[in-house]
Every structure is written in structure tokens, then in C-alpha cells.
Amino acid sequence: MAAPDPHTHSEDRYQPMALIGVTMIALLGFAVFFLSFLVAPLAILLIFYVGFAASDRAKRNGSAARLATEAEARREIMERADEESAPAGRSGGTLSRLGA
């Protein structure tokens, strides 16, 4: 009785190109996984940096005075609305108008 020929089944043969392909896919998957943990925090830091730089530039351009003027205008509008909605028996003064 003769031994069966080991080369009759093509599935069982060693295929180096398939091994290289699987290895490359695994390495690329690991690279993407690693870079996601590297890039995500850097993107968040970049968002904070851009926001801080824009805020700092706005403060340097003298917009602090404009912001104070807008805040005062808002306060006056809110006080006017409070006076209009106040009952007739009250004094009508708000805390900011009374000096508090």
C-alpha cells in the first residue's frame, strides 16, 4: 500500500503570499487603532487651543469695552422689563438702581 500524495490537496499547501496579506492587514489594523488614540486627544487639544487663541485675540483688539457696553445695555433692558411687569404698589426700583 502506497502512502497518499501530500500534494494532491491545494488547500493544505503553505501559501506565503496569503500569510503576508494577513500579516499586513493585522499590522494596518493595529496602526489605525494606535493612531486613533493618538489623533483624538490631539484634535481635542487643537479645538481648545483655537478657542483660546480666538478669545485672546478678541481681548487684545479692545472688544472688552464693547462687551461691557453690551452687558450694560442688556442690564438696562432687563431692568426696564422688570419695571413694566412690577405691581403698582411696589417701589419700582431694582437692586442695581437702588445701589445694591
PDB file of N, CA and C in Angstrom:
ATOM      1  N   MET A   1       0.818  -1.175   0.000  1.00  0.00           N
ATOM      2  CA  MET A   1       0.000   0.000   0.000  1.00  0.00           C
ATOM      3  C   MET A   1       0.870   1.249   0.000  1.00  0.00           C
ATOM      4  N   ALA A   2       0.566   2.142  -0.894  1.00  0.00           N
ATOM      5  CA  ALA A   2       1.390   3.343  -1.023  1.00  0.00           C
ATOM      6  C   ALA A   2       0.795   4.464  -0.168  1.00  0.00           C
ATOM      7  N   ALA A   3       1.667   5.316   0.311  1.00  0.00           N
ATOM      8  CA  ALA A   3       1.222   6.470   1.122  1.00  0.00           C
ATOM      9  C   ALA A   3       0.552   7.486   0.208  1.00  0.00           C
ATOM     10  N   PRO A   4      -0.484   8.183   0.689  1.00  0.00           N
ATOM     11  CA  PRO A   4      -1.158   9.183  -0.143  1.00  0.00           C
ATOM     12  C   PRO A   4      -0.212  10.343  -0.463  1.00  0.00           C
ATOM     13  N   ASP A   5      -0.373  10.901  -1.639  1.00  0.00           N
ATOM     14  CA  ASP A   5       0.473  12.006  -2.080  1.00  0.00           C
ATOM     15  C   ASP A   5       0.061  13.288  -1.328  1.00  0.00           C
ATOM     16  N   PRO A   6       0.978  13.918  -0.606  1.00  0.00           N
ATOM     17  CA  PRO A   6       0.601  15.112   0.165  1.00  0.00           C
ATOM     18  C   PRO A   6       0.309  16.324  -0.718  1.00  0.00           C
ATOM     19  N   HIS A   7       0.658  16.293  -1.988  1.00  0.00           N
ATOM     20  CA  HIS A   7       0.466  17.467  -2.838  1.00  0.00           C
ATOM     21  C   HIS A   7      -0.843  17.440  -3.613  1.00  0.00           C
ATOM     22  N   THR A   8      -1.733  16.520  -3.314  1.00  0.00           N
ATOM     23  CA  THR A   8      -2.993  16.449  -4.046  1.00  0.00           C
ATOM     24  C   THR A   8      -3.995  17.488  -3.579  1.00  0.00           C
ATOM     25  N   HIS A   9      -3.900  17.951  -2.332  1.00  0.00           N
ATOM     26  CA  HIS A   9      -4.834  18.947  -1.798  1.00  0.00           C
ATOM     27  C   HIS A   9      -4.165  20.316  -1.821  1.00  0.00           C
ATOM     28  N   SER A  10      -4.714  21.243  -2.610  1.00  0.00           N
ATOM     29  CA  SER A  10      -4.096  22.564  -2.730  1.00  0.00           C
ATOM     30  C   SER A  10      -4.350  23.420  -1.483  1.00  0.00           C
ATOM     31  N   GLU A  11      -5.392  23.109  -0.695  1.00  0.00           N
ATOM     32  CA  GLU A  11      -5.701  23.898   0.492  1.00  0.00           C
ATOM     33  C   GLU A  11      -4.643  23.729   1.574  1.00  0.00           C
ATOM     34  N   ASP A  12      -4.034  22.568   1.597  1.00  0.00           N
ATOM     35  CA  ASP A  12      -3.116  22.269   2.677  1.00  0.00           C
ATOM     36  C   ASP A  12      -1.710  22.805   2.438  1.00  0.00           C
ATOM     37  N   ARG A  13      -1.429  23.291   1.261  1.00  0.00           N
ATOM     38  CA  ARG A  13      -0.079  23.756   0.982  1.00  0.00           C
ATOM     39  C   ARG A  13       0.192  25.104   1.639  1.00  0.00           C
ATOM     40  N   TYR A  14       1.432  25.351   1.922  1.00  0.00           N
ATOM     41  CA  TYR A  14       1.885  26.608   2.505  1.00  0.00           C
ATOM     42  C   TYR A  14       1.799  27.705   1.442  1.00  0.00           C
ATOM     43  N   GLN A  15       1.121  28.807   1.791  1.00  0.00           N
ATOM     44  CA  GLN A  15       0.941  29.911   0.844  1.00  0.00           C
ATOM     45  C   GLN A  15       1.544  31.183   1.455  1.00  0.00           C
ATOM     46  N   PRO A  16       2.778  31.477   1.133  1.00  0.00           N
ATOM     47  CA  PRO A  16       3.434  32.626   1.765  1.00  0.00           C
ATOM     48  C   PRO A  16       2.765  33.955   1.425  1.00  0.00           C
ATOM     49  N   MET A  17       2.210  34.114   0.252  1.00  0.00           N
ATOM     50  CA  MET A  17       1.563  35.384  -0.105  1.00  0.00           C
ATOM     51  C   MET A  17       0.312  35.622   0.737  1.00  0.00           C
ATOM     52  N   ALA A  18      -0.422  34.573   1.052  1.00  0.00           N
ATOM     53  CA  ALA A  18      -1.596  34.711   1.907  1.00  0.00           C
ATOM     54  C   ALA A  18      -1.171  35.106   3.316  1.00  0.00           C
ATOM     55  N   LEU A  19      -0.075  34.527   3.791  1.00  0.00           N
ATOM     56  CA  LEU A  19       0.426  34.867   5.121  1.00  0.00           C
ATOM     57  C   LEU A  19       0.871  36.321   5.170  1.00  0.00           C
ATOM     58  N   ILE A  20       1.525  36.795   4.125  1.00  0.00           N
ATOM     59  CA  ILE A  20       1.949  38.193   4.080  1.00  0.00           C
ATOM     60  C   ILE A  20       0.730  39.119   4.059  1.00  0.00           C
ATOM     61  N   GLY A  21      -0.302  38.728   3.303  1.00  0.00           N
ATOM     62  CA  GLY A  21      -1.518  39.544   3.247  1.00  0.00           C
ATOM     63  C   GLY A  21      -2.208  39.659   4.593  1.00  0.00           C
ATOM     64  N   VAL A  22      -2.329  38.534   5.281  1.00  0.00           N
ATOM     65  CA  VAL A  22      -2.967  38.543   6.605  1.00  0.00           C
ATOM     66  C   VAL A  22      -2.135  39.353   7.587  1.00  0.00           C
ATOM     67  N   THR A  23      -0.828  39.220   7.516  1.00  0.00           N
ATOM     68  CA  THR A  23       0.055  39.974   8.409  1.00  0.00           C
ATOM     69  C   THR A  23      -0.060  41.478   8.150  1.00  0.00           C
ATOM     70  N   MET A  24      -0.112  41.865   6.889  1.00  0.00           N
ATOM     71  CA  MET A  24      -0.241  43.288   6.559  1.00  0.00           C
ATOM     72  C   MET A  24      -1.572  43.851   7.036  1.00  0.00           C
ATOM     73  N   ILE A  25      -2.639  43.083   6.893  1.00  0.00           N
ATOM     74  CA  ILE A  25      -3.947  43.539   7.366  1.00  0.00           C
ATOM     75  C   ILE A  25      -3.934  43.729   8.881  1.00  0.00           C
ATOM     76  N   ALA A  26      -3.315  42.784   9.597  1.00  0.00           N
ATOM     77  CA  ALA A  26      -3.229  42.902  11.052  1.00  0.00           C
ATOM     78  C   ALA A  26      -2.398  44.114  11.462  1.00  0.00           C
ATOM     79  N   LEU A  27      -1.286  44.344  10.787  1.00  0.00           N
ATOM     80  CA  LEU A  27      -0.442  45.498  11.116  1.00  0.00           C
ATOM     81  C   LEU A  27      -1.143  46.817  10.800  1.00  0.00           C
ATOM     82  N   LEU A  28      -1.845  46.888   9.688  1.00  0.00           N
ATOM     83  CA  LEU A  28      -2.586  48.102   9.359  1.00  0.00           C
ATOM     84  C   LEU A  28      -3.720  48.356  10.352  1.00  0.00           C
ATOM     85  N   GLY A  29      -4.377  47.291  10.773  1.00  0.00           N
ATOM     86  CA  GLY A  29      -5.424  47.435  11.784  1.00  0.00           C
ATOM     87  C   GLY A  29      -4.873  47.964  13.091  1.00  0.00           C
ATOM     88  N   PHE A  30      -3.717  47.450  13.505  1.00  0.00           N
ATOM     89  CA  PHE A  30      -3.096  47.942  14.734  1.00  0.00           C
ATOM     90  C   PHE A  30      -2.667  49.396  14.577  1.00  0.00           C
ATOM     91  N   ALA A  31      -2.150  49.758  13.416  1.00  0.00           N
ATOM     92  CA  ALA A  31      -1.726  51.142  13.190  1.00  0.00           C
ATOM     93  C   ALA A  31      -2.909  52.102  13.276  1.00  0.00           C
ATOM     94  N   VAL A  32      -4.030  51.717  12.686  1.00  0.00           N
ATOM     95  CA  VAL A  32      -5.225  52.565  12.751  1.00  0.00           C
ATOM     96  C   VAL A  32      -5.717  52.675  14.192  1.00  0.00           C
ATOM     97  N   PHE A  33      -5.707  51.569  14.907  1.00  0.00           N
ATOM     98  CA  PHE A  33      -6.130  51.567  16.307  1.00  0.00           C
ATOM     99  C   PHE A  33      -5.223  52.468  17.136  1.00  0.00           C
ATOM    100  N   PHE A  34      -3.918  52.373  16.950  1.00  0.00           N
ATOM    101  CA  PHE A  34      -2.961  53.177  17.703  1.00  0.00           C
ATOM    102  C   PHE A  34      -3.101  54.655  17.357  1.00  0.00           C
ATOM    103  N   LEU A  35      -3.228  54.962  16.070  1.00  0.00           N
ATOM    104  CA  LEU A  35      -3.334  56.360  15.666  1.00  0.00           C
ATOM    105  C   LEU A  35      -4.633  57.008  16.140  1.00  0.00           C
ATOM    106  N   SER A  36      -5.683  56.215  16.282  1.00  0.00           N
ATOM    107  CA  SER A  36      -6.935  56.799  16.779  1.00  0.00           C
ATOM    108  C   SER A  36      -6.764  57.303  18.208  1.00  0.00           C
ATOM    109  N   PHE A  37      -5.987  56.601  19.013  1.00  0.00           N
ATOM    110  CA  PHE A  37      -5.742  57.059  20.377  1.00  0.00           C
ATOM    111  C   PHE A  37      -4.755  58.214  20.413  1.00  0.00           C
ATOM    112  N   LEU A  38      -3.966  58.377  19.375  1.00  0.00           N
ATOM    113  CA  LEU A  38      -3.030  59.483  19.314  1.00  0.00           C
ATOM    114  C   LEU A  38      -3.690  60.728  18.729  1.00  0.00           C
ATOM    115  N   VAL A  39      -4.504  60.563  17.709  1.00  0.00           N
ATOM    116  CA  VAL A  39      -5.074  61.698  16.993  1.00  0.00           C
ATOM    117  C   VAL A  39      -6.253  62.316  17.737  1.00  0.00           C
ATOM    118  N   ALA A  40      -7.084  61.510  18.366  1.00  0.00           N
ATOM    119  CA  ALA A  40      -8.276  62.046  19.031  1.00  0.00           C
ATOM    120  C   ALA A  40      -7.922  63.057  20.129  1.00  0.00           C
ATOM    121  N   PRO A  41      -7.008  62.763  21.053  1.00  0.00           N
ATOM    122  CA  PRO A  41      -6.655  63.776  22.059  1.00  0.00           C
ATOM    123  C   PRO A  41      -5.997  65.012  21.438  1.00  0.00           C
ATOM    124  N   LEU A  42      -5.217  64.824  20.397  1.00  0.00           N
ATOM    125  CA  LEU A  42      -4.599  65.983  19.747  1.00  0.00           C
ATOM    126  C   LEU A  42      -5.652  66.861  19.086  1.00  0.00           C
ATOM    127  N   ALA A  43      -6.685  66.254  18.526  1.00  0.00           N
ATOM    128  CA  ALA A  43      -7.762  67.039  17.915  1.00  0.00           C
ATOM    129  C   ALA A  43      -8.507  67.844  18.977  1.00  0.00           C
ATOM    130  N   ILE A  44      -8.749  67.242  20.121  1.00  0.00           N
ATOM    131  CA  ILE A  44      -9.427  67.961  21.206  1.00  0.00           C
ATOM    132  C   ILE A  44      -8.565  69.108  21.707  1.00  0.00           C
ATOM    133  N   LEU A  45      -7.263  68.864  21.869  1.00  0.00           N
ATOM    134  CA  LEU A  45      -6.364  69.939  22.292  1.00  0.00           C
ATOM    135  C   LEU A  45      -6.318  71.058  21.257  1.00  0.00           C
ATOM    136  N   LEU A  46      -6.367  70.708  19.986  1.00  0.00           N
ATOM    137  CA  LEU A  46      -6.367  71.718  18.932  1.00  0.00           C
ATOM    138  C   LEU A  46      -7.624  72.585  19.010  1.00  0.00           C
ATOM    139  N   ILE A  47      -8.765  71.976  19.291  1.00  0.00           N
ATOM    140  CA  ILE A  47     -10.009  72.742  19.426  1.00  0.00           C
ATOM    141  C   ILE A  47      -9.903  73.736  20.582  1.00  0.00           C
ATOM    142  N   PHE A  48      -9.381  73.282  21.734  1.00  0.00           N
ATOM    143  CA  PHE A  48      -9.212  74.186  22.872  1.00  0.00           C
ATOM    144  C   PHE A  48      -8.221  75.299  22.546  1.00  0.00           C
ATOM    145  N   TYR A  49      -7.131  74.960  21.847  1.00  0.00           N
ATOM    146  CA  TYR A  49      -6.120  75.966  21.518  1.00  0.00           C
ATOM    147  C   TYR A  49      -6.697  77.030  20.587  1.00  0.00           C
ATOM    148  N   VAL A  50      -7.457  76.615  19.578  1.00  0.00           N
ATOM    149  CA  VAL A  50      -8.046  77.575  18.647  1.00  0.00           C
ATOM    150  C   VAL A  50      -9.040  78.476  19.385  1.00  0.00           C
ATOM    151  N   GLY A  51      -9.835  77.896  20.262  1.00  0.00           N
ATOM    152  CA  GLY A  51     -10.780  78.704  21.039  1.00  0.00           C
ATOM    153  C   GLY A  51     -10.081  79.697  21.944  1.00  0.00           C
ATOM    154  N   PHE A  52      -9.021  79.261  22.599  1.00  0.00           N
ATOM    155  CA  PHE A  52      -8.273  80.162  23.481  1.00  0.00           C
ATOM    156  C   PHE A  52      -7.605  81.273  22.680  1.00  0.00           C
ATOM    157  N   ALA A  53      -7.022  80.934  21.530  1.00  0.00           N
ATOM    158  CA  ALA A  53      -6.364  81.949  20.697  1.00  0.00           C
ATOM    159  C   ALA A  53      -7.374  82.973  20.197  1.00  0.00           C
ATOM    160  N   ALA A  54      -8.552  82.527  19.801  1.00  0.00           N
ATOM    161  CA  ALA A  54      -9.583  83.462  19.335  1.00  0.00           C
ATOM    162  C   ALA A  54     -10.042  84.367  20.475  1.00  0.00           C
ATOM    163  N   SER A  55     -10.196  83.800  21.646  1.00  0.00           N
ATOM    164  CA  SER A  55     -10.597  84.594  22.808  1.00  0.00           C
ATOM    165  C   SER A  55      -9.528  85.619  23.170  1.00  0.00           C
ATOM    166  N   ASP A  56      -8.282  85.194  23.147  1.00  0.00           N
ATOM    167  CA  ASP A  56      -7.181  86.090  23.485  1.00  0.00           C
ATOM    168  C   ASP A  56      -7.066  87.217  22.456  1.00  0.00           C
ATOM    169  N   ARG A  57      -7.222  86.882  21.183  1.00  0.00           N
ATOM    170  CA  ARG A  57      -7.137  87.899  20.128  1.00  0.00           C
ATOM    171  C   ARG A  57      -8.274  88.903  20.278  1.00  0.00           C
ATOM    172  N   ALA A  58      -9.471  88.415  20.630  1.00  0.00           N
ATOM    173  CA  ALA A  58     -10.608  89.315  20.791  1.00  0.00           C
ATOM    174  C   ALA A  58     -10.375  90.274  21.959  1.00  0.00           C
ATOM    175  N   LYS A  59      -9.759  89.775  23.022  1.00  0.00           N
ATOM    176  CA  LYS A  59      -9.490  90.646  24.168  1.00  0.00           C
ATOM    177  C   LYS A  59      -8.440  91.693  23.824  1.00  0.00           C
ATOM    178  N   ARG A  60      -7.466  91.327  23.025  1.00  0.00           N
ATOM    179  CA  ARG A  60      -6.407  92.277  22.657  1.00  0.00           C
ATOM    180  C   ARG A  60      -6.899  93.354  21.712  1.00  0.00           C
ATOM    181  N   ASN A  61      -7.921  93.068  20.937  1.00  0.00           N
ATOM    182  CA  ASN A  61      -8.419  94.031  19.958  1.00  0.00           C
ATOM    183  C   ASN A  61      -9.358  95.062  20.576  1.00  0.00           C
ATOM    184  N   GLY A  62      -9.459  95.109  21.884  1.00  0.00           N
ATOM    185  CA  GLY A  62     -10.274  96.123  22.535  1.00  0.00           C
ATOM    186  C   GLY A  62     -11.738  95.793  22.584  1.00  0.00           C
ATOM    187  N   SER A  63     -12.100  94.552  22.431  1.00  0.00           N
ATOM    188  CA  SER A  63     -13.515  94.213  22.464  1.00  0.00           C
ATOM    189  C   SER A  63     -14.027  94.102  23.895  1.00  0.00           C
ATOM    190  N   ALA A  64     -13.145  94.231  24.879  1.00  0.00           N
ATOM    191  CA  ALA A  64     -13.603  94.187  26.274  1.00  0.00           C
ATOM    192  C   ALA A  64     -14.517  95.373  26.560  1.00  0.00           C
ATOM    193  N   ALA A  65     -14.181  96.545  26.020  1.00  0.00           N
ATOM    194  CA  ALA A  65     -15.037  97.719  26.218  1.00  0.00           C
ATOM    195  C   ALA A  65     -16.389  97.508  25.536  1.00  0.00           C
ATOM    196  N   ARG A  66     -16.365  96.894  24.350  1.00  0.00           N
ATOM    197  CA  ARG A  66     -17.620  96.625  23.639  1.00  0.00           C
ATOM    198  C   ARG A  66     -18.478  95.640  24.421  1.00  0.00           C
ATOM    199  N   LEU A  67     -17.830  94.624  25.001  1.00  0.00           N
ATOM    200  CA  LEU A  67     -18.576  93.645  25.791  1.00  0.00           C
ATOM    201  C   LEU A  67     -19.191  94.293  27.026  1.00  0.00           C
ATOM    202  N   ALA A  68     -18.477  95.212  27.655  1.00  0.00           N
ATOM    203  CA  ALA A  68     -19.021  95.904  28.826  1.00  0.00           C
ATOM    204  C   ALA A  68     -20.212  96.765  28.425  1.00  0.00           C
ATOM    205  N   THR A  69     -20.123  97.423  27.267  1.00  0.00           N
ATOM    206  CA  THR A  69     -21.241  98.243  26.778  1.00  0.00           C
ATOM    207  C   THR A  69     -22.459  97.375  26.492  1.00  0.00           C
ATOM    208  N   GLU A  70     -22.234  96.220  25.869  1.00  0.00           N
ATOM    209  CA  GLU A  70     -23.346  95.311  25.589  1.00  0.00           C
ATOM    210  C   GLU A  70     -23.967  94.780  26.877  1.00  0.00           C
ATOM    211  N   ALA A  71     -23.142  94.483  27.875  1.00  0.00           N
ATOM    212  CA  ALA A  71     -23.667  93.995  29.151  1.00  0.00           C
ATOM    213  C   ALA A  71     -24.510  95.070  29.829  1.00  0.00           C
ATOM    214  N   GLU A  72     -24.053  96.312  29.774  1.00  0.00           N
ATOM    215  CA  GLU A  72     -24.828  97.414  30.362  1.00  0.00           C
ATOM    216  C   GLU A  72     -26.160  97.587  29.631  1.00  0.00           C
ATOM    217  N   ALA A  73     -26.154  97.485  28.304  1.00  0.00           N
ATOM    218  CA  ALA A  73     -27.393  97.613  27.537  1.00  0.00           C
ATOM    219  C   ALA A  73     -28.352  96.484  27.886  1.00  0.00           C
ATOM    220  N   ARG A  74     -27.832  95.272  28.033  1.00  0.00           N
ATOM    221  CA  ARG A  74     -28.692  94.146  28.428  1.00  0.00           C
ATOM    222  C   ARG A  74     -29.293  94.367  29.809  1.00  0.00           C
ATOM    223  N   ARG A  75     -28.467  94.884  30.732  1.00  0.00           N
ATOM    224  CA  ARG A  75     -28.952  95.129  32.091  1.00  0.00           C
ATOM    225  C   ARG A  75     -30.070  96.165  32.081  1.00  0.00           C
ATOM    226  N   GLU A  76     -29.917  97.219  31.288  1.00  0.00           N
ATOM    227  CA  GLU A  76     -30.964  98.241  31.209  1.00  0.00           C
ATOM    228  C   GLU A  76     -32.254  97.679  30.632  1.00  0.00           C
ATOM    229  N   ILE A  77     -32.138  96.824  29.613  1.00  0.00           N
ATOM    230  CA  ILE A  77     -33.333  96.220  29.016  1.00  0.00           C
ATOM    231  C   ILE A  77     -34.044  95.332  30.025  1.00  0.00           C
ATOM    232  N   MET A  78     -33.277  94.548  30.783  1.00  0.00           N
ATOM    233  CA  MET A  78     -33.902  93.675  31.788  1.00  0.00           C
ATOM    234  C   MET A  78     -34.542  94.497  32.899  1.00  0.00           C
ATOM    235  N   GLU A  79     -33.892  95.595  33.304  1.00  0.00           N
ATOM    236  CA  GLU A  79     -34.478  96.437  34.357  1.00  0.00           C
ATOM    237  C   GLU A  79     -35.759  97.099  33.865  1.00  0.00           C
ATOM    238  N   ARG A  80     -35.774  97.531  32.604  1.00  0.00           N
ATOM    239  CA  ARG A  80     -36.975  98.142  32.047  1.00  0.00           C
ATOM    240  C   ARG A  80     -38.116  97.135  32.012  1.00  0.00           C
ATOM    241  N   ALA A  81     -37.804  95.896  31.646  1.00  0.00           N
ATOM    242  CA  ALA A  81     -38.830  94.855  31.614  1.00  0.00           C
ATOM    243  C   ALA A  81     -39.331  94.550  33.021  1.00  0.00           C
ATOM    244  N   ASP A  82     -38.429  94.574  34.015  1.00  0.00           N
ATOM    245  CA  ASP A  82     -38.847  94.345  35.399  1.00  0.00           C
ATOM    246  C   ASP A  82     -39.765  95.460  35.888  1.00  0.00           C
ATOM    247  N   GLU A  83     -39.451  96.705  35.522  1.00  0.00           N
ATOM    248  CA  GLU A  83     -40.278  97.835  35.961  1.00  0.00           C
ATOM    249  C   GLU A  83     -41.665  97.779  35.340  1.00  0.00           C
ATOM    250  N   GLU A  84     -41.738  97.358  34.093  1.00  0.00           N
ATOM    251  CA  GLU A  84     -43.035  97.276  33.416  1.00  0.00           C
ATOM    252  C   GLU A  84     -43.901  96.170  33.992  1.00  0.00           C
ATOM    253  N   SER A  85     -43.291  95.076  34.451  1.00  0.00           N
ATOM    254  CA  SER A  85     -44.070  93.955  34.973  1.00  0.00           C
ATOM    255  C   SER A  85     -44.290  94.043  36.478  1.00  0.00           C
ATOM    256  N   ALA A  86     -43.726  95.038  37.161  1.00  0.00           N
ATOM    257  CA  ALA A  86     -43.874  95.148  38.620  1.00  0.00           C
ATOM    258  C   ALA A  86     -45.281  95.631  38.965  1.00  0.00           C
ATOM    259  N   PRO A  87     -45.846  95.146  40.084  1.00  0.00           N
ATOM    260  CA  PRO A  87     -47.165  95.630  40.534  1.00  0.00           C
ATOM    261  C   PRO A  87     -47.094  97.105  40.919  1.00  0.00           C
ATOM    262  N   ALA A  88     -48.238  97.779  40.909  1.00  0.00           N
ATOM    263  CA  ALA A  88     -48.280  99.226  41.154  1.00  0.00           C
ATOM    264  C   ALA A  88     -47.887  99.575  42.580  1.00  0.00           C
ATOM    265  N   GLY A  89     -48.066  98.705  43.557  1.00  0.00           N
ATOM    266  CA  GLY A  89     -47.799  99.003  44.958  1.00  0.00           C
ATOM    267  C   GLY A  89     -46.323  98.967  45.312  1.00  0.00           C
ATOM    268  N   ARG A  90     -45.495  98.417  44.464  1.00  0.00           N
ATOM    269  CA  ARG A  90     -44.068  98.318  44.787  1.00  0.00           C
ATOM    270  C   ARG A  90     -43.350  99.617  44.447  1.00  0.00           C
ATOM    271  N   SER A  91     -42.140  99.753  44.980  1.00  0.00           N
ATOM    272  CA  SER A  91     -41.378 100.974  44.771  1.00  0.00           C
ATOM    273  C   SER A  91     -40.892 101.120  43.335  1.00  0.00           C
ATOM    274  N   GLY A  92     -40.702 100.017  42.613  1.00  0.00           N
ATOM    275  CA  GLY A  92     -40.299 100.107  41.224  1.00  0.00           C
ATOM    276  C   GLY A  92     -38.796 100.102  41.015  1.00  0.00           C
ATOM    277  N   GLY A  93     -37.992 100.204  42.062  1.00  0.00           N
ATOM    278  CA  GLY A  93     -36.543 100.221  41.906  1.00  0.00           C
ATOM    279  C   GLY A  93     -35.973  98.805  41.959  1.00  0.00           C
ATOM    280  N   THR A  94     -35.017  98.562  41.116  1.00  0.00           N
ATOM    281  CA  THR A  94     -34.339  97.276  41.157  1.00  0.00           C
ATOM    282  C   THR A  94     -33.109  97.401  42.051  1.00  0.00           C
ATOM    283  N   LEU A  95     -32.498  96.285  42.343  1.00  0.00           N
ATOM    284  CA  LEU A  95     -31.330  96.315  43.227  1.00  0.00           C
ATOM    285  C   LEU A  95     -30.210  97.143  42.635  1.00  0.00           C
ATOM    286  N   SER A  96     -30.006  97.041  41.340  1.00  0.00           N
ATOM    287  CA  SER A  96     -28.917  97.809  40.751  1.00  0.00           C
ATOM    288  C   SER A  96     -29.218  99.303  40.731  1.00  0.00           C
ATOM    289  N   ARG A  97     -30.509  99.681  40.602  1.00  0.00           N
ATOM    290  CA  ARG A  97     -30.852 101.098  40.618  1.00  0.00           C
ATOM    291  C   ARG A  97     -30.841 101.649  42.039  1.00  0.00           C
ATOM    292  N   LEU A  98     -31.066 100.784  43.033  1.00  0.00           N
ATOM    293  CA  LEU A  98     -31.045 101.231  44.414  1.00  0.00           C
ATOM    294  C   LEU A  98     -29.626 101.273  44.970  1.00  0.00           C
ATOM    295  N   GLY A  99     -28.662 100.903  44.183  1.00  0.00           N
ATOM    296  CA  GLY A  99     -27.270 100.977  44.609  1.00  0.00           C
ATOM    297  C   GLY A  99     -26.754  99.718  45.264  1.00  0.00           C
ATOM    298  N   ALA A 100     -27.482  98.626  45.168  1.00  0.00           N
ATOM    299  CA  ALA A 100     -27.033  97.396  45.809  1.00  0.00           C
ATOM    300  C   ALA A 100     -25.997  96.706  44.964  1.00  0.00           C
TER     301      ALA A 100
END
